[in-house]
């Protein structure tokens, strides 16, 4: 009878440990996915910064518009990049 009780406790302990490991792995998967989304958003923002610089330089080189209009073009480009990054993250 003592062996049966010991075996039941051992099985219960194994099931509990397995459940804890499964729950822990699910949490890691979620954290990893969020990290990937943050990285992708950061990459988009960095690419956008360079793109907005190029937009302003091209605008000023063309000398077709005022400097304030070039600034607005740069701001608009950056805003679009930020929105794209938000769409990736959320």
PDB file of N, CA and C in Angstrom:
ATOM      1  N   UNK A   1       0.821  -1.187   0.000  1.00  0.00           N
ATOM      2  CA  UNK A   1       0.000   0.000   0.000  1.00  0.00           C
ATOM      3  C   UNK A   1       0.868   1.255   0.000  1.00  0.00           C
ATOM      4  N   UNK A   2       1.969   1.232   0.690  1.00  0.00           N
ATOM      5  CA  UNK A   2       2.884   2.359   0.729  1.00  0.00           C
ATOM      6  C   UNK A   2       3.479   2.653  -0.630  1.00  0.00           C
ATOM      7  N   UNK A   3       3.689   1.583  -1.422  1.00  0.00           N
ATOM      8  CA  UNK A   3       4.228   1.762  -2.769  1.00  0.00           C
ATOM      9  C   UNK A   3       3.231   2.473  -3.675  1.00  0.00           C
ATOM     10  N   UNK A   4       1.964   2.174  -3.520  1.00  0.00           N
ATOM     11  CA  UNK A   4       0.927   2.812  -4.332  1.00  0.00           C
ATOM     12  C   UNK A   4       0.849   4.315  -4.040  1.00  0.00           C
ATOM     13  N   UNK A   5       0.915   4.652  -2.795  1.00  0.00           N
ATOM     14  CA  UNK A   5       0.858   6.072  -2.401  1.00  0.00           C
ATOM     15  C   UNK A   5       2.077   6.805  -2.940  1.00  0.00           C
ATOM     16  N   UNK A   6       3.230   6.163  -2.813  1.00  0.00           N
ATOM     17  CA  UNK A   6       4.467   6.777  -3.307  1.00  0.00           C
ATOM     18  C   UNK A   6       4.405   6.948  -4.824  1.00  0.00           C
ATOM     19  N   UNK A   7       3.894   5.957  -5.544  1.00  0.00           N
ATOM     20  CA  UNK A   7       3.773   6.032  -7.004  1.00  0.00           C
ATOM     21  C   UNK A   7       2.794   7.130  -7.413  1.00  0.00           C
ATOM     22  N   UNK A   8       1.699   7.263  -6.687  1.00  0.00           N
ATOM     23  CA  UNK A   8       0.707   8.300  -6.988  1.00  0.00           C
ATOM     24  C   UNK A   8       1.307   9.690  -6.760  1.00  0.00           C
ATOM     25  N   UNK A   9       2.052   9.846  -5.705  1.00  0.00           N
ATOM     26  CA  UNK A   9       2.699  11.142  -5.437  1.00  0.00           C
ATOM     27  C   UNK A   9       3.736  11.467  -6.514  1.00  0.00           C
ATOM     28  N   UNK A  10       4.484  10.456  -6.935  1.00  0.00           N
ATOM     29  CA  UNK A  10       5.495  10.652  -7.967  1.00  0.00           C
ATOM     30  C   UNK A  10       4.838  11.075  -9.276  1.00  0.00           C
ATOM     31  N   UNK A  11       3.741  10.392  -9.646  1.00  0.00           N
ATOM     32  CA  UNK A  11       3.024  10.770 -10.869  1.00  0.00           C
ATOM     33  C   UNK A  11       2.480  12.197 -10.757  1.00  0.00           C
ATOM     34  N   UNK A  12       1.942  12.529  -9.612  1.00  0.00           N
ATOM     35  CA  UNK A  12       1.413  13.879  -9.402  1.00  0.00           C
ATOM     36  C   UNK A  12       2.504  14.935  -9.512  1.00  0.00           C
ATOM     37  N   UNK A  13       3.667  14.615  -8.974  1.00  0.00           N
ATOM     38  CA  UNK A  13       4.800  15.530  -9.050  1.00  0.00           C
ATOM     39  C   UNK A  13       5.265  15.696 -10.491  1.00  0.00           C
ATOM     40  N   UNK A  14       5.305  14.610 -11.245  1.00  0.00           N
ATOM     41  CA  UNK A  14       5.726  14.665 -12.647  1.00  0.00           C
ATOM     42  C   UNK A  14       4.743  15.499 -13.466  1.00  0.00           C
ATOM     43  N   UNK A  15       3.455  15.294 -13.230  1.00  0.00           N
ATOM     44  CA  UNK A  15       2.436  16.069 -13.951  1.00  0.00           C
ATOM     45  C   UNK A  15       2.554  17.551 -13.609  1.00  0.00           C
ATOM     46  N   UNK A  16       2.786  17.861 -12.367  1.00  0.00           N
ATOM     47  CA  UNK A  16       2.924  19.261 -11.944  1.00  0.00           C
ATOM     48  C   UNK A  16       4.146  19.912 -12.594  1.00  0.00           C
ATOM     49  N   UNK A  17       5.247  19.206 -12.609  1.00  0.00           N
ATOM     50  CA  UNK A  17       6.466  19.740 -13.225  1.00  0.00           C
ATOM     51  C   UNK A  17       6.266  19.940 -14.723  1.00  0.00           C
ATOM     52  N   UNK A  18       5.618  18.986 -15.374  1.00  0.00           N
ATOM     53  CA  UNK A  18       5.358  19.110 -16.809  1.00  0.00           C
ATOM     54  C   UNK A  18       4.470  20.328 -17.097  1.00  0.00           C
ATOM     55  N   UNK A  19       3.467  20.535 -16.269  1.00  0.00           N
ATOM     56  CA  UNK A  19       2.577  21.684 -16.456  1.00  0.00           C
ATOM     57  C   UNK A  19       3.334  22.995 -16.270  1.00  0.00           C
ATOM     58  N   UNK A  20       4.218  23.054 -15.294  1.00  0.00           N
ATOM     59  CA  UNK A  20       5.004  24.260 -15.060  1.00  0.00           C
ATOM     60  C   UNK A  20       5.945  24.541 -16.228  1.00  0.00           C
ATOM     61  N   UNK A  21       6.571  23.508 -16.753  1.00  0.00           N
ATOM     62  CA  UNK A  21       7.464  23.684 -17.895  1.00  0.00           C
ATOM     63  C   UNK A  21       6.694  24.159 -19.128  1.00  0.00           C
ATOM     64  N   UNK A  22       5.521  23.605 -19.332  1.00  0.00           N
ATOM     65  CA  UNK A  22       4.696  24.024 -20.465  1.00  0.00           C
ATOM     66  C   UNK A  22       4.292  25.485 -20.323  1.00  0.00           C
ATOM     67  N   UNK A  23       3.891  25.895 -19.139  1.00  0.00           N
ATOM     68  CA  UNK A  23       3.501  27.292 -18.905  1.00  0.00           C
ATOM     69  C   UNK A  23       4.700  28.223 -19.091  1.00  0.00           C
ATOM     70  N   UNK A  24       5.856  27.811 -18.633  1.00  0.00           N
ATOM     71  CA  UNK A  24       7.053  28.647 -18.772  1.00  0.00           C
ATOM     72  C   UNK A  24       7.442  28.803 -20.233  1.00  0.00           C
ATOM     73  N   UNK A  25       7.329  27.747 -21.016  1.00  0.00           N
ATOM     74  CA  UNK A  25       7.697  27.843 -22.435  1.00  0.00           C
ATOM     75  C   UNK A  25       6.722  28.734 -23.191  1.00  0.00           C
ATOM     76  N   UNK A  26       5.461  28.749 -22.806  1.00  0.00           N
ATOM     77  CA  UNK A  26       4.486  29.632 -23.457  1.00  0.00           C
ATOM     78  C   UNK A  26       4.838  31.094 -23.191  1.00  0.00           C
ATOM     79  N   UNK A  27       5.239  31.409 -21.981  1.00  0.00           N
ATOM     80  CA  UNK A  27       5.631  32.778 -21.651  1.00  0.00           C
ATOM     81  C   UNK A  27       6.844  33.224 -22.438  1.00  0.00           C
ATOM     82  N   UNK A  28       7.797  32.330 -22.640  1.00  0.00           N
ATOM     83  CA  UNK A  28       8.993  32.653 -23.418  1.00  0.00           C
ATOM     84  C   UNK A  28       8.640  32.921 -24.874  1.00  0.00           C
ATOM     85  N   UNK A  29       7.719  32.149 -25.415  1.00  0.00           N
ATOM     86  CA  UNK A  29       7.321  32.331 -26.814  1.00  0.00           C
ATOM     87  C   UNK A  29       6.679  33.698 -27.009  1.00  0.00           C
ATOM     88  N   UNK A  30       5.851  34.111 -26.088  1.00  0.00           N
ATOM     89  CA  UNK A  30       5.209  35.414 -26.181  1.00  0.00           C
ATOM     90  C   UNK A  30       6.233  36.530 -26.075  1.00  0.00           C
ATOM     91  N   UNK A  31       7.166  36.394 -25.150  1.00  0.00           N
ATOM     92  CA  UNK A  31       8.200  37.419 -24.983  1.00  0.00           C
ATOM     93  C   UNK A  31       9.073  37.508 -26.227  1.00  0.00           C
ATOM     94  N   UNK A  32       9.384  36.378 -26.820  1.00  0.00           N
ATOM     95  CA  UNK A  32      10.210  36.370 -28.026  1.00  0.00           C
ATOM     96  C   UNK A  32       9.485  37.057 -29.178  1.00  0.00           C
ATOM     97  N   UNK A  33       8.205  36.794 -29.305  1.00  0.00           N
ATOM     98  CA  UNK A  33       7.418  37.428 -30.374  1.00  0.00           C
ATOM     99  C   UNK A  33       7.390  38.943 -30.196  1.00  0.00           C
ATOM    100  N   UNK A  34       7.205  39.399 -28.964  1.00  0.00           N
ATOM    101  CA  UNK A  34       7.201  40.839 -28.696  1.00  0.00           C
ATOM    102  C   UNK A  34       8.563  41.452 -29.005  1.00  0.00           C
ATOM    103  N   UNK A  35       9.620  40.741 -28.670  1.00  0.00           N
ATOM    104  CA  UNK A  35      10.962  41.258 -28.951  1.00  0.00           C
ATOM    105  C   UNK A  35      11.179  41.392 -30.454  1.00  0.00           C
ATOM    106  N   UNK A  36      10.702  40.420 -31.212  1.00  0.00           N
ATOM    107  CA  UNK A  36      10.833  40.491 -32.666  1.00  0.00           C
ATOM    108  C   UNK A  36      10.045  41.663 -33.233  1.00  0.00           C
ATOM    109  N   UNK A  37       8.864  41.915 -32.680  1.00  0.00           N
ATOM    110  CA  UNK A  37       8.061  43.047 -33.139  1.00  0.00           C
ATOM    111  C   UNK A  37       8.754  44.364 -32.812  1.00  0.00           C
ATOM    112  N   UNK A  38       9.329  44.455 -31.618  1.00  0.00           N
ATOM    113  CA  UNK A  38      10.052  45.684 -31.258  1.00  0.00           C
ATOM    114  C   UNK A  38      11.237  45.904 -32.181  1.00  0.00           C
ATOM    115  N   UNK A  39      11.987  44.827 -32.463  1.00  0.00           N
ATOM    116  CA  UNK A  39      13.131  44.934 -33.363  1.00  0.00           C
ATOM    117  C   UNK A  39      12.705  45.382 -34.751  1.00  0.00           C
ATOM    118  N   UNK A  40      11.636  44.800 -35.254  1.00  0.00           N
ATOM    119  CA  UNK A  40      11.152  45.160 -36.597  1.00  0.00           C
ATOM    120  C   UNK A  40      10.717  46.619 -36.620  1.00  0.00           C
ATOM    121  N   UNK A  41      10.036  47.070 -35.574  1.00  0.00           N
ATOM    122  CA  UNK A  41       9.620  48.470 -35.494  1.00  0.00           C
ATOM    123  C   UNK A  41      10.812  49.406 -35.433  1.00  0.00           C
ATOM    124  N   UNK A  42      11.820  49.027 -34.665  1.00  0.00           N
ATOM    125  CA  UNK A  42      13.032  49.849 -34.555  1.00  0.00           C
ATOM    126  C   UNK A  42      13.751  49.920 -35.900  1.00  0.00           C
ATOM    127  N   UNK A  43      13.812  48.803 -36.601  1.00  0.00           N
ATOM    128  CA  UNK A  43      14.455  48.800 -37.914  1.00  0.00           C
ATOM    129  C   UNK A  43      13.730  49.716 -38.890  1.00  0.00           C
ATOM    130  N   UNK A  44      12.408  49.689 -38.851  1.00  0.00           N
ATOM    131  CA  UNK A  44      11.622  50.553 -39.738  1.00  0.00           C
ATOM    132  C   UNK A  44      11.901  52.014 -39.414  1.00  0.00           C
ATOM    133  N   UNK A  45      11.929  52.354 -38.132  1.00  0.00           N
ATOM    134  CA  UNK A  45      12.186  53.751 -37.757  1.00  0.00           C
ATOM    135  C   UNK A  45      13.575  54.204 -38.190  1.00  0.00           C
ATOM    136  N   UNK A  46      14.575  53.330 -38.046  1.00  0.00           N
ATOM    137  CA  UNK A  46      15.930  53.701 -38.464  1.00  0.00           C
ATOM    138  C   UNK A  46      16.006  53.910 -39.970  1.00  0.00           C
ATOM    139  N   UNK A  47      15.357  53.035 -40.720  1.00  0.00           N
ATOM    140  CA  UNK A  47      15.335  53.200 -42.176  1.00  0.00           C
ATOM    141  C   UNK A  47      14.598  54.477 -42.566  1.00  0.00           C
ATOM    142  N   UNK A  48      13.558  54.788 -41.822  1.00  0.00           N
ATOM    143  CA  UNK A  48      12.777  55.986 -42.099  1.00  0.00           C
ATOM    144  C   UNK A  48      13.597  57.240 -41.860  1.00  0.00           C
ATOM    145  N   UNK A  49      14.415  57.230 -40.808  1.00  0.00           N
ATOM    146  CA  UNK A  49      15.248  58.410 -40.540  1.00  0.00           C
ATOM    147  C   UNK A  49      16.136  58.726 -41.734  1.00  0.00           C
ATOM    148  N   UNK A  50      16.798  57.693 -42.246  1.00  0.00           N
ATOM    149  CA  UNK A  50      17.679  57.911 -43.388  1.00  0.00           C
ATOM    150  C   UNK A  50      16.873  58.340 -44.605  1.00  0.00           C
ATOM    151  N   UNK A  51      15.716  57.741 -44.782  1.00  0.00           N
ATOM    152  CA  UNK A  51      14.862  58.116 -45.908  1.00  0.00           C
ATOM    153  C   UNK A  51      14.399  59.560 -45.822  1.00  0.00           C
ATOM    154  N   UNK A  52      14.074  60.005 -44.619  1.00  0.00           N
ATOM    155  CA  UNK A  52      13.631  61.395 -44.462  1.00  0.00           C
ATOM    156  C   UNK A  52      14.788  62.372 -44.688  1.00  0.00           C
ATOM    157  N   UNK A  53      15.992  61.985 -44.293  1.00  0.00           N
ATOM    158  CA  UNK A  53      17.159  62.832 -44.577  1.00  0.00           C
ATOM    159  C   UNK A  53      17.361  62.965 -46.082  1.00  0.00           C
ATOM    160  N   UNK A  54      17.256  61.830 -46.761  1.00  0.00           N
ATOM    161  CA  UNK A  54      17.410  61.856 -48.218  1.00  0.00           C
ATOM    162  C   UNK A  54      16.323  62.705 -48.875  1.00  0.00           C
ATOM    163  N   UNK A  55      15.111  62.612 -48.362  1.00  0.00           N
ATOM    164  CA  UNK A  55      14.010  63.408 -48.902  1.00  0.00           C
ATOM    165  C   UNK A  55      14.319  64.894 -48.788  1.00  0.00           C
ATOM    166  N   UNK A  56      14.798  65.305 -47.619  1.00  0.00           N
ATOM    167  CA  UNK A  56      15.104  66.715 -47.422  1.00  0.00           C
ATOM    168  C   UNK A  56      16.281  67.156 -48.290  1.00  0.00           C
ATOM    169  N   UNK A  57      17.305  66.328 -48.383  1.00  0.00           N
ATOM    170  CA  UNK A  57      18.461  66.689 -49.208  1.00  0.00           C
ATOM    171  C   UNK A  57      18.073  66.819 -50.675  1.00  0.00           C
ATOM    172  N   UNK A  58      17.248  65.899 -51.142  1.00  0.00           N
ATOM    173  CA  UNK A  58      16.802  65.969 -52.537  1.00  0.00           C
ATOM    174  C   UNK A  58      15.946  67.211 -52.761  1.00  0.00           C
ATOM    175  N   UNK A  59      15.128  67.530 -51.790  1.00  0.00           N
ATOM    176  CA  UNK A  59      14.270  68.711 -51.894  1.00  0.00           C
ATOM    177  C   UNK A  59      15.123  69.977 -51.969  1.00  0.00           C
ATOM    178  N   UNK A  60      16.115  70.062 -51.088  1.00  0.00           N
ATOM    179  CA  UNK A  60      16.962  71.257 -51.078  1.00  0.00           C
ATOM    180  C   UNK A  60      17.842  71.332 -52.321  1.00  0.00           C
ATOM    181  N   UNK A  61      18.294  70.162 -52.819  1.00  0.00           N
ATOM    182  CA  UNK A  61      19.137  70.142 -54.014  1.00  0.00           C
ATOM    183  C   UNK A  61      18.338  70.584 -55.243  1.00  0.00           C
ATOM    184  N   UNK A  62      17.071  70.194 -55.277  1.00  0.00           N
ATOM    185  CA  UNK A  62      16.222  70.579 -56.402  1.00  0.00           C
ATOM    186  C   UNK A  62      15.928  72.079 -56.364  1.00  0.00           C
ATOM    187  N   UNK A  63      15.942  72.641 -55.135  1.00  0.00           N
ATOM    188  CA  UNK A  63      15.738  74.074 -54.941  1.00  0.00           C
ATOM    189  C   UNK A  63      14.445  74.566 -55.589  1.00  0.00           C
ATOM    190  N   UNK A  64      13.460  73.697 -55.603  1.00  0.00           N
ATOM    191  CA  UNK A  64      12.177  74.069 -56.190  1.00  0.00           C
ATOM    192  C   UNK A  64      11.195  74.582 -55.145  1.00  0.00           C
ATOM    193  N   UNK A  65      11.462  74.265 -53.896  1.00  0.00           N
ATOM    194  CA  UNK A  65      10.550  74.688 -52.838  1.00  0.00           C
ATOM    195  C   UNK A  65      11.335  75.380 -51.741  1.00  0.00           C
ATOM    196  N   UNK A  66      10.606  75.989 -50.840  1.00  0.00           N
ATOM    197  CA  UNK A  66      11.260  76.679 -49.726  1.00  0.00           C
ATOM    198  C   UNK A  66      11.785  75.666 -48.716  1.00  0.00           C
ATOM    199  N   UNK A  67      12.679  76.133 -47.861  1.00  0.00           N
ATOM    200  CA  UNK A  67      13.248  75.262 -46.835  1.00  0.00           C
ATOM    201  C   UNK A  67      12.161  74.760 -45.887  1.00  0.00           C
ATOM    202  N   UNK A  68      11.169  75.601 -45.617  1.00  0.00           N
ATOM    203  CA  UNK A  68      10.095  75.166 -44.724  1.00  0.00           C
ATOM    204  C   UNK A  68       9.298  74.029 -45.357  1.00  0.00           C
ATOM    205  N   UNK A  69       9.106  74.082 -46.651  1.00  0.00           N
ATOM    206  CA  UNK A  69       8.388  72.986 -47.326  1.00  0.00           C
ATOM    207  C   UNK A  69       9.216  71.695 -47.272  1.00  0.00           C
ATOM    208  N   UNK A  70      10.531  71.833 -47.395  1.00  0.00           N
ATOM    209  CA  UNK A  70      11.404  70.651 -47.285  1.00  0.00           C
ATOM    210  C   UNK A  70      11.313  70.046 -45.891  1.00  0.00           C
ATOM    211  N   UNK A  71      11.253  70.907 -44.860  1.00  0.00           N
ATOM    212  CA  UNK A  71      11.098  70.413 -43.493  1.00  0.00           C
ATOM    213  C   UNK A  71       9.784  69.655 -43.340  1.00  0.00           C
ATOM    214  N   UNK A  72       8.716  70.199 -43.918  1.00  0.00           N
ATOM    215  CA  UNK A  72       7.416  69.536 -43.839  1.00  0.00           C
ATOM    216  C   UNK A  72       7.458  68.172 -44.530  1.00  0.00           C
ATOM    217  N   UNK A  73       8.135  68.106 -45.663  1.00  0.00           N
ATOM    218  CA  UNK A  73       8.262  66.827 -46.367  1.00  0.00           C
ATOM    219  C   UNK A  73       8.996  65.814 -45.491  1.00  0.00           C
ATOM    220  N   UNK A  74      10.054  66.272 -44.821  1.00  0.00           N
ATOM    221  CA  UNK A  74      10.827  65.397 -43.945  1.00  0.00           C
ATOM    222  C   UNK A  74       9.962  64.918 -42.783  1.00  0.00           C
ATOM    223  N   UNK A  75       9.215  65.829 -42.178  1.00  0.00           N
ATOM    224  CA  UNK A  75       8.341  65.459 -41.060  1.00  0.00           C
ATOM    225  C   UNK A  75       7.290  64.446 -41.483  1.00  0.00           C
ATOM    226  N   UNK A  76       6.722  64.671 -42.641  1.00  0.00           N
ATOM    227  CA  UNK A  76       5.687  63.766 -43.135  1.00  0.00           C
ATOM    228  C   UNK A  76       6.268  62.360 -43.375  1.00  0.00           C
ATOM    229  N   UNK A  77       7.467  62.309 -43.925  1.00  0.00           N
ATOM    230  CA  UNK A  77       8.119  61.019 -44.159  1.00  0.00           C
ATOM    231  C   UNK A  77       8.366  60.299 -42.840  1.00  0.00           C
ATOM    232  N   UNK A  78       8.831  61.039 -41.826  1.00  0.00           N
ATOM    233  CA  UNK A  78       9.092  60.431 -40.526  1.00  0.00           C
ATOM    234  C   UNK A  78       7.800  59.947 -39.873  1.00  0.00           C
ATOM    235  N   UNK A  79       6.723  60.732 -39.998  1.00  0.00           N
ATOM    236  CA  UNK A  79       5.443  60.326 -39.425  1.00  0.00           C
ATOM    237  C   UNK A  79       4.936  59.034 -40.056  1.00  0.00           C
ATOM    238  N   UNK A  80       5.112  58.907 -41.356  1.00  0.00           N
ATOM    239  CA  UNK A  80       4.685  57.684 -42.035  1.00  0.00           C
ATOM    240  C   UNK A  80       5.479  56.484 -41.523  1.00  0.00           C
ATOM    241  N   UNK A  81       6.764  56.678 -41.304  1.00  0.00           N
ATOM    242  CA  UNK A  81       7.597  55.596 -40.768  1.00  0.00           C
ATOM    243  C   UNK A  81       7.198  55.214 -39.356  1.00  0.00           C
ATOM    244  N   UNK A  82       6.878  56.210 -38.548  1.00  0.00           N
ATOM    245  CA  UNK A  82       6.442  55.925 -37.173  1.00  0.00           C
ATOM    246  C   UNK A  82       5.143  55.135 -37.174  1.00  0.00           C
ATOM    247  N   UNK A  83       4.225  55.516 -38.057  1.00  0.00           N
ATOM    248  CA  UNK A  83       2.955  54.804 -38.130  1.00  0.00           C
ATOM    249  C   UNK A  83       3.165  53.360 -38.583  1.00  0.00           C
ATOM    250  N   UNK A  84       4.062  53.158 -39.526  1.00  0.00           N
ATOM    251  CA  UNK A  84       4.369  51.798 -39.969  1.00  0.00           C
ATOM    252  C   UNK A  84       4.929  50.973 -38.811  1.00  0.00           C
ATOM    253  N   UNK A  85       5.818  51.575 -38.016  1.00  0.00           N
ATOM    254  CA  UNK A  85       6.389  50.870 -36.858  1.00  0.00           C
ATOM    255  C   UNK A  85       5.310  50.532 -35.844  1.00  0.00           C
ATOM    256  N   UNK A  86       4.368  51.454 -35.619  1.00  0.00           N
ATOM    257  CA  UNK A  86       3.251  51.172 -34.692  1.00  0.00           C
ATOM    258  C   UNK A  86       2.405  50.021 -35.196  1.00  0.00           C
ATOM    259  N   UNK A  87       2.168  50.005 -36.502  1.00  0.00           N
ATOM    260  CA  UNK A  87       1.361  48.931 -37.080  1.00  0.00           C
ATOM    261  C   UNK A  87       2.030  47.569 -36.882  1.00  0.00           C
ATOM    262  N   UNK A  88       3.351  47.543 -36.944  1.00  0.00           N
ATOM    263  CA  UNK A  88       4.077  46.295 -36.732  1.00  0.00           C
ATOM    264  C   UNK A  88       3.975  45.861 -35.272  1.00  0.00           C
ATOM    265  N   UNK A  89       4.155  46.783 -34.357  1.00  0.00           N
ATOM    266  CA  UNK A  89       4.190  46.445 -32.942  1.00  0.00           C
ATOM    267  C   UNK A  89       2.809  46.095 -32.386  1.00  0.00           C
ATOM    268  N   UNK A  90       1.778  46.778 -32.833  1.00  0.00           N
ATOM    269  CA  UNK A  90       0.458  46.579 -32.242  1.00  0.00           C
ATOM    270  C   UNK A  90      -0.440  46.035 -33.272  1.00  0.00           C
TER     271      UNK A  90
END
